[in-house]
Protein backbone atom coordinates (compact mmCIF):
# COMPACT_ATOMS: atom_id res chain seq x y z
CA UNK A 1 -24.18 261.56 66.72
CA UNK A 2 -26.06 261.93 63.28
CA UNK A 3 -29.64 262.27 62.98
CA UNK A 4 -31.55 260.99 59.73
CA UNK A 5 -34.96 262.56 59.88
CA UNK A 6 -37.89 261.56 58.12
CA UNK A 7 -40.00 263.99 55.70
CA UNK A 8 -42.73 264.14 53.18
CA UNK A 9 -42.15 264.88 49.80
CA UNK A 10 -44.46 267.28 48.19
CA UNK A 11 -42.75 268.84 45.61
CA UNK A 12 -40.42 267.46 43.24
CA UNK A 13 -38.07 269.93 40.52
CA UNK A 14 -35.20 270.26 39.24
CA UNK A 15 -32.60 273.02 40.21
CA UNK A 16 -28.95 273.36 38.81
CA UNK A 17 -29.85 270.12 37.09
CA UNK A 18 -29.80 268.53 40.67
CA UNK A 19 -33.04 266.79 41.58
CA UNK A 20 -34.38 268.25 44.50
CA UNK A 21 -37.23 268.21 46.86
CA UNK A 22 -39.27 270.10 48.98
CA UNK A 23 -39.92 267.46 52.09
CA UNK A 24 -42.33 268.40 55.06
CA UNK A 25 -40.84 267.56 58.60
CA UNK A 26 -44.16 267.15 60.07
CA UNK A 27 -45.07 271.32 59.68
CA UNK A 28 -41.50 272.50 59.17
CA UNK A 29 -40.98 272.76 54.95
CA UNK A 30 -37.24 272.88 53.44
CA UNK A 31 -35.24 271.92 50.50
CA UNK A 32 -33.31 268.69 50.24
CA UNK A 33 -31.64 267.08 47.36
CA UNK A 34 -33.00 263.80 45.95
CA UNK A 35 -30.00 263.00 43.37
CA UNK A 36 -29.59 259.55 45.60
CA UNK A 37 -33.73 258.66 45.57
CA UNK A 38 -33.69 258.95 41.84
CA UNK A 39 -37.17 257.24 41.72
CA UNK A 40 -38.55 259.35 44.78
CA UNK A 41 -42.06 260.12 43.93
CA UNK A 42 -44.15 263.73 45.38
CA UNK A 43 -46.08 261.85 48.58
CA UNK A 44 -43.27 259.39 49.57
CA UNK A 45 -41.90 259.57 53.00
CA UNK A 46 -37.48 260.06 53.11
CA UNK A 47 -35.17 260.11 55.07
CA UNK A 48 -33.16 263.19 55.25
CA UNK A 49 -28.83 263.75 56.35
CA UNK A 50 -27.71 267.28 55.79
CA UNK A 51 -30.19 268.27 53.23
CA UNK A 52 -29.98 264.75 51.21
CA UNK A 53 -32.64 262.48 50.72
CA UNK A 54 -31.28 258.68 51.14
CA UNK A 55 -33.69 256.22 51.53
CA UNK A 56 -37.43 255.73 51.14
CA UNK A 57 -39.59 254.28 53.76
CA UNK A 58 -43.31 253.43 53.78
CA UNK A 59 -45.81 256.01 55.83
CA UNK A 60 -45.82 253.87 59.59
CA UNK A 61 -42.30 253.28 59.61
CA UNK A 62 -41.75 257.15 59.39
CA UNK A 63 -44.62 257.74 61.38
CA UNK A 64 -43.59 255.46 64.32
CA UNK A 65 -39.86 257.39 63.77
CA UNK A 66 -41.60 260.83 64.11
CA UNK A 67 -42.93 259.85 67.30
CA UNK A 68 -40.05 258.53 68.46
CA UNK A 69 -38.77 261.22 67.94
CA UNK A 70 -41.18 264.13 69.60
CA UNK A 71 -40.92 260.87 72.73
CA UNK A 72 -36.98 262.13 72.55
CA UNK A 73 -38.12 265.54 73.18
CA UNK A 74 -40.78 265.52 75.94
CA UNK A 75 -38.32 262.98 77.83
CA UNK A 76 -35.14 265.61 77.46
CA UNK A 77 -37.33 268.15 79.28
CA UNK A 78 -37.46 265.74 81.87
CA UNK A 79 -33.70 264.69 82.27
CA UNK A 80 -31.47 266.43 84.37
CA UNK A 81 -28.88 268.65 82.99
CA UNK A 82 -26.14 268.16 85.40
CA UNK A 83 -26.73 271.94 86.81
CA UNK A 84 -28.43 270.98 89.43
CA UNK A 85 -27.70 271.31 92.96
């Protein structure tokens, strides 16, 4: 399964002729390529998959998705692993 994660664009710049960004995943900052999103602006939220921005989200949709991902992580701690005896 592939997962695209929402992130906030905090900086845009060019690197080796490509449109790049520093993006914030709720406190974790990474670099991502924005070539597929020429219209992206600082402050926008975007779905990042394998280091590429794929679509722009509104802030509410991004926050709802991040909340669901946090809930999934919390649920993972409660689910059986199959190693129980």
